[in-house]
Amino acid sequence: MDSKRPPMDPEDEISTVLGRLRERAGILDDAIVQRLQALGYTDETLILIRLIPLIAVAWADGGVSENERTAIRAEAQAQGIEAGTPADHQLTEWLTAAPSEAFQAASVQILAASANGDLDGVLTACRKVASASGGLFGFGAISRREQDVLDRLSKAFVRKGIATLQR
């Protein structure tokens, strides 16, 4: 008996991928699931959408410091991202080369619109990343560019009536 499967019809394959994404995301809206797939998220990397705001803050000054990298890795571990997984590999790529502004904006928009989790927690983690590298005696710990990103994230989340961020 031949254990090889016949090749899957491309439409069936797309449907299967979208189904796994829908299941992992807990999102029933097909349009959102299709946007996630178009952005390149898979059922194995979707967990990273909650880290995109942290990535945006880290790249605000044009590079990711070792302290910011450590803070993001700690949050990734807390989110259940294990070393060597596709999510870990993608995260490493984003810590090396910033994802595009358009990708970041679309990801944040989806996160704000569909999050069924603690976005205040996401913003708290963003502040940890922002303050990870800076300051002298606690002054200037968050750069102006990082604060601008924090403000944009806060507004995106507040517009959905989900979270607030205090300076």
C-alpha atoms as a PDB file:
ATOM      1  CA  MET A   1       0.000   0.000   0.000  1.00  0.00           C
ATOM      2  CA  ASP A   2       1.346   3.427  -0.979  1.00  0.00           C
ATOM      3  CA  SER A   3       1.316   5.807   1.988  1.00  0.00           C
ATOM      4  CA  LYS A   4       1.766   8.880  -0.198  1.00  0.00           C
ATOM      5  CA  ARG A   5      -1.129  11.263  -0.255  1.00  0.00           C
ATOM      6  CA  PRO A   6      -2.343  12.607  -3.553  1.00  0.00           C
ATOM      7  CA  PRO A   7      -1.408  16.263  -4.055  1.00  0.00           C
ATOM      8  CA  MET A   8      -3.864  18.610  -2.400  1.00  0.00           C
ATOM      9  CA  ASP A   9      -5.949  20.928  -4.553  1.00  0.00           C
ATOM     10  CA  PRO A  10      -4.563  24.487  -4.052  1.00  0.00           C
ATOM     11  CA  GLU A  11      -7.993  25.771  -2.988  1.00  0.00           C
ATOM     12  CA  ASP A  12      -8.284  22.968  -0.417  1.00  0.00           C
ATOM     13  CA  GLU A  13      -4.787  23.769   0.840  1.00  0.00           C
ATOM     14  CA  ILE A  14      -5.655  27.465   1.287  1.00  0.00           C
ATOM     15  CA  SER A  15      -8.876  26.494   3.027  1.00  0.00           C
ATOM     16  CA  THR A  16      -6.947  24.197   5.379  1.00  0.00           C
ATOM     17  CA  VAL A  17      -4.403  26.916   6.203  1.00  0.00           C
ATOM     18  CA  LEU A  18      -7.159  29.459   6.822  1.00  0.00           C
ATOM     19  CA  GLY A  19      -9.006  26.942   8.994  1.00  0.00           C
ATOM     20  CA  ARG A  20      -5.930  26.373  11.166  1.00  0.00           C
ATOM     21  CA  LEU A  21      -5.383  30.128  11.457  1.00  0.00           C
ATOM     22  CA  ARG A  22      -9.049  30.662  12.351  1.00  0.00           C
ATOM     23  CA  GLU A  23      -8.853  27.968  15.013  1.00  0.00           C
ATOM     24  CA  ARG A  24      -5.595  29.268  16.504  1.00  0.00           C
ATOM     25  CA  ALA A  25      -6.750  32.885  16.486  1.00  0.00           C
ATOM     26  CA  GLY A  26     -10.223  32.148  17.742  1.00  0.00           C
ATOM     27  CA  ILE A  27     -11.509  34.534  15.070  1.00  0.00           C
ATOM     28  CA  LEU A  28     -14.606  33.746  13.095  1.00  0.00           C
ATOM     29  CA  ASP A  29     -14.396  36.709  10.719  1.00  0.00           C
ATOM     30  CA  ASP A  30     -13.084  35.336   7.417  1.00  0.00           C
ATOM     31  CA  ALA A  31     -11.836  38.750   6.297  1.00  0.00           C
ATOM     32  CA  ILE A  32      -9.560  39.066   9.330  1.00  0.00           C
ATOM     33  CA  VAL A  33      -8.292  35.510   8.946  1.00  0.00           C
ATOM     34  CA  GLN A  34      -7.526  36.167   5.282  1.00  0.00           C
ATOM     35  CA  ARG A  35      -5.661  39.379   6.213  1.00  0.00           C
ATOM     36  CA  LEU A  36      -3.577  37.447   8.728  1.00  0.00           C
ATOM     37  CA  GLN A  37      -2.730  34.891   6.071  1.00  0.00           C
ATOM     38  CA  ALA A  38      -1.927  37.612   3.524  1.00  0.00           C
ATOM     39  CA  LEU A  39       0.443  39.200   6.052  1.00  0.00           C
ATOM     40  CA  GLY A  40       2.269  35.887   6.291  1.00  0.00           C
ATOM     41  CA  TYR A  41       1.050  34.658   9.657  1.00  0.00           C
ATOM     42  CA  THR A  42       0.609  30.921  10.054  1.00  0.00           C
ATOM     43  CA  ASP A  43      -0.982  28.930  12.827  1.00  0.00           C
ATOM     44  CA  GLU A  44       2.564  28.499  14.187  1.00  0.00           C
ATOM     45  CA  THR A  45       3.535  32.191  14.078  1.00  0.00           C
ATOM     46  CA  LEU A  46       0.236  33.873  14.927  1.00  0.00           C
ATOM     47  CA  ILE A  47       1.241  34.038  18.591  1.00  0.00           C
ATOM     48  CA  LEU A  48       3.736  36.716  17.532  1.00  0.00           C
ATOM     49  CA  ILE A  49       0.996  39.239  16.754  1.00  0.00           C
ATOM     50  CA  ARG A  50       0.975  40.194  20.449  1.00  0.00           C
ATOM     51  CA  LEU A  51       4.714  40.953  20.202  1.00  0.00           C
ATOM     52  CA  ILE A  52       4.483  43.255  17.176  1.00  0.00           C
ATOM     53  CA  PRO A  53       3.842  46.315  19.373  1.00  0.00           C
ATOM     54  CA  LEU A  54       6.987  45.454  21.363  1.00  0.00           C
ATOM     55  CA  ILE A  55       8.944  45.068  18.125  1.00  0.00           C
ATOM     56  CA  ALA A  56       7.662  48.471  16.957  1.00  0.00           C
ATOM     57  CA  VAL A  57       8.819  50.125  20.176  1.00  0.00           C
ATOM     58  CA  ALA A  58      12.221  48.425  20.025  1.00  0.00           C
ATOM     59  CA  TRP A  59      12.831  49.596  16.447  1.00  0.00           C
ATOM     60  CA  ALA A  60      11.600  53.165  17.145  1.00  0.00           C
ATOM     61  CA  ASP A  61      15.154  54.450  17.534  1.00  0.00           C
ATOM     62  CA  GLY A  62      16.406  52.649  14.438  1.00  0.00           C
ATOM     63  CA  GLY A  63      17.865  49.576  16.127  1.00  0.00           C
ATOM     64  CA  VAL A  64      17.182  47.005  18.820  1.00  0.00           C
ATOM     65  CA  SER A  65      19.497  47.157  21.828  1.00  0.00           C
ATOM     66  CA  GLU A  66      20.589  44.037  23.677  1.00  0.00           C
ATOM     67  CA  ASN A  67      18.440  45.051  26.661  1.00  0.00           C
ATOM     68  CA  GLU A  68      15.388  45.503  24.419  1.00  0.00           C
ATOM     69  CA  ARG A  69      16.090  42.140  22.779  1.00  0.00           C
ATOM     70  CA  THR A  70      16.278  40.529  26.224  1.00  0.00           C
ATOM     71  CA  ALA A  71      12.985  42.130  27.303  1.00  0.00           C
ATOM     72  CA  ILE A  72      11.231  40.946  24.126  1.00  0.00           C
ATOM     73  CA  ARG A  73      12.670  37.432  24.468  1.00  0.00           C
ATOM     74  CA  ALA A  74      11.432  37.305  28.085  1.00  0.00           C
ATOM     75  CA  GLU A  75       7.934  38.316  26.974  1.00  0.00           C
ATOM     76  CA  ALA A  76       8.058  35.762  24.141  1.00  0.00           C
ATOM     77  CA  GLN A  77       8.963  33.050  26.619  1.00  0.00           C
ATOM     78  CA  ALA A  78       6.128  34.177  28.908  1.00  0.00           C
ATOM     79  CA  GLN A  79       3.779  33.888  25.917  1.00  0.00           C
ATOM     80  CA  GLY A  80       4.903  30.280  25.401  1.00  0.00           C
ATOM     81  CA  ILE A  81       7.212  30.751  22.431  1.00  0.00           C
ATOM     82  CA  GLU A  82       9.826  28.035  22.621  1.00  0.00           C
ATOM     83  CA  ALA A  83      13.334  28.113  21.174  1.00  0.00           C
ATOM     84  CA  GLY A  84      13.662  26.550  17.751  1.00  0.00           C
ATOM     85  CA  THR A  85      10.003  26.883  16.782  1.00  0.00           C
ATOM     86  CA  PRO A  86       8.823  28.708  13.654  1.00  0.00           C
ATOM     87  CA  ALA A  87       7.614  31.551  15.896  1.00  0.00           C
ATOM     88  CA  ASP A  88      11.058  31.804  17.509  1.00  0.00           C
ATOM     89  CA  HIS A  89      12.757  31.876  14.100  1.00  0.00           C
ATOM     90  CA  GLN A  90      10.410  34.626  12.882  1.00  0.00           C
ATOM     91  CA  LEU A  91      10.979  36.628  16.061  1.00  0.00           C
ATOM     92  CA  THR A  92      14.743  36.358  15.566  1.00  0.00           C
ATOM     93  CA  GLU A  93      14.316  37.686  12.043  1.00  0.00           C
ATOM     94  CA  TRP A  94      12.284  40.668  13.302  1.00  0.00           C
ATOM     95  CA  LEU A  95      14.892  41.429  15.954  1.00  0.00           C
ATOM     96  CA  THR A  96      17.529  41.487  13.220  1.00  0.00           C
ATOM     97  CA  ALA A  97      15.594  43.381  10.529  1.00  0.00           C
ATOM     98  CA  ALA A  98      12.531  45.450  11.315  1.00  0.00           C
ATOM     99  CA  PRO A  99       9.259  44.326   9.777  1.00  0.00           C
ATOM    100  CA  SER A 100       7.822  46.959   7.431  1.00  0.00           C
ATOM    101  CA  GLU A 101       5.795  49.839   8.823  1.00  0.00           C
ATOM    102  CA  ALA A 102       2.804  48.603   6.804  1.00  0.00           C
ATOM    103  CA  PHE A 103       3.104  45.120   8.309  1.00  0.00           C
ATOM    104  CA  GLN A 104       3.382  46.547  11.813  1.00  0.00           C
ATOM    105  CA  ALA A 105       0.392  48.856  11.316  1.00  0.00           C
ATOM    106  CA  ALA A 106      -1.794  46.096   9.867  1.00  0.00           C
ATOM    107  CA  SER A 107      -0.825  43.713  12.667  1.00  0.00           C
ATOM    108  CA  VAL A 108      -1.600  46.281  15.368  1.00  0.00           C
ATOM    109  CA  GLN A 109      -4.918  47.081  13.697  1.00  0.00           C
ATOM    110  CA  ILE A 110      -5.891  43.400  13.681  1.00  0.00           C
ATOM    111  CA  LEU A 111      -4.701  42.936  17.250  1.00  0.00           C
ATOM    112  CA  ALA A 112      -6.745  45.935  18.426  1.00  0.00           C
ATOM    113  CA  ALA A 113      -9.845  44.842  16.501  1.00  0.00           C
ATOM    114  CA  SER A 114      -9.850  41.199  17.425  1.00  0.00           C
ATOM    115  CA  ALA A 115      -7.940  40.835  20.661  1.00  0.00           C
ATOM    116  CA  ASN A 116      -9.664  38.783  23.263  1.00  0.00           C
ATOM    117  CA  GLY A 117      -6.815  39.238  25.672  1.00  0.00           C
ATOM    118  CA  ASP A 118      -5.183  41.760  27.896  1.00  0.00           C
ATOM    119  CA  LEU A 119      -4.054  44.670  25.737  1.00  0.00           C
ATOM    120  CA  ASP A 120      -3.155  46.635  28.850  1.00  0.00           C
ATOM    121  CA  GLY A 121      -0.608  43.859  29.409  1.00  0.00           C
ATOM    122  CA  VAL A 122       0.730  44.363  25.882  1.00  0.00           C
ATOM    123  CA  LEU A 123       1.158  48.072  26.551  1.00  0.00           C
ATOM    124  CA  THR A 124       2.869  47.376  29.888  1.00  0.00           C
ATOM    125  CA  ALA A 125       5.302  45.052  28.094  1.00  0.00           C
ATOM    126  CA  CYS A 126       5.888  47.789  25.498  1.00  0.00           C
ATOM    127  CA  ARG A 127       6.844  50.227  28.252  1.00  0.00           C
ATOM    128  CA  LYS A 128       9.285  47.655  29.664  1.00  0.00           C
ATOM    129  CA  VAL A 129      10.920  47.359  26.250  1.00  0.00           C
ATOM    130  CA  ALA A 130      10.998  51.150  25.840  1.00  0.00           C
ATOM    131  CA  SER A 131      12.678  51.679  29.193  1.00  0.00           C
ATOM    132  CA  ALA A 132      15.036  48.697  28.863  1.00  0.00           C
ATOM    133  CA  SER A 133      17.915  50.623  27.309  1.00  0.00           C
ATOM    134  CA  GLY A 134      17.718  54.159  28.342  1.00  0.00           C
ATOM    135  CA  GLY A 135      18.176  56.788  30.849  1.00  0.00           C
ATOM    136  CA  LEU A 136      20.493  57.896  33.536  1.00  0.00           C
ATOM    137  CA  PHE A 137      19.143  57.394  37.041  1.00  0.00           C
ATOM    138  CA  GLY A 138      15.717  56.755  35.522  1.00  0.00           C
ATOM    139  CA  PHE A 139      15.587  60.027  33.573  1.00  0.00           C
ATOM    140  CA  GLY A 140      15.122  59.830  29.837  1.00  0.00           C
ATOM    141  CA  ALA A 141      14.599  56.084  30.004  1.00  0.00           C
ATOM    142  CA  ILE A 142      12.051  56.292  27.196  1.00  0.00           C
ATOM    143  CA  SER A 143      13.150  58.172  24.106  1.00  0.00           C
ATOM    144  CA  ARG A 144      10.870  60.624  22.313  1.00  0.00           C
ATOM    145  CA  ARG A 145      10.558  58.225  19.345  1.00  0.00           C
ATOM    146  CA  GLU A 146       9.662  55.336  21.636  1.00  0.00           C
ATOM    147  CA  GLN A 147       7.082  57.500  23.391  1.00  0.00           C
ATOM    148  CA  ASP A 148       5.595  58.426  20.005  1.00  0.00           C
ATOM    149  CA  VAL A 149       5.187  54.720  19.200  1.00  0.00           C
ATOM    150  CA  LEU A 150       3.686  54.086  22.655  1.00  0.00           C
ATOM    151  CA  ASP A 151       1.221  56.929  22.091  1.00  0.00           C
ATOM    152  CA  ARG A 152       0.197  55.561  18.670  1.00  0.00           C
ATOM    153  CA  LEU A 153      -0.292  52.078  20.115  1.00  0.00           C
ATOM    154  CA  SER A 154      -2.311  53.434  23.000  1.00  0.00           C
ATOM    155  CA  LYS A 155      -4.559  55.377  20.618  1.00  0.00           C
ATOM    156  CA  ALA A 156      -5.037  52.317  18.411  1.00  0.00           C
ATOM    157  CA  PHE A 157      -6.098  50.253  21.402  1.00  0.00           C
ATOM    158  CA  VAL A 158      -8.211  53.007  22.996  1.00  0.00           C
ATOM    159  CA  ARG A 159     -10.077  53.631  19.743  1.00  0.00           C
ATOM    160  CA  LYS A 160     -11.393  50.130  20.156  1.00  0.00           C
ATOM    161  CA  GLY A 161     -12.332  50.943  23.741  1.00  0.00           C
ATOM    162  CA  ILE A 162      -9.988  48.287  25.037  1.00  0.00           C
ATOM    163  CA  ALA A 163      -7.070  49.803  26.903  1.00  0.00           C
ATOM    164  CA  THR A 164      -5.488  52.959  28.194  1.00  0.00           C
ATOM    165  CA  LEU A 165      -1.892  53.907  28.743  1.00  0.00           C
ATOM    166  CA  GLN A 166      -0.753  56.454  31.271  1.00  0.00           C
ATOM    167  CA  ARG A 167       2.551  58.264  30.857  1.00  0.00           C
END
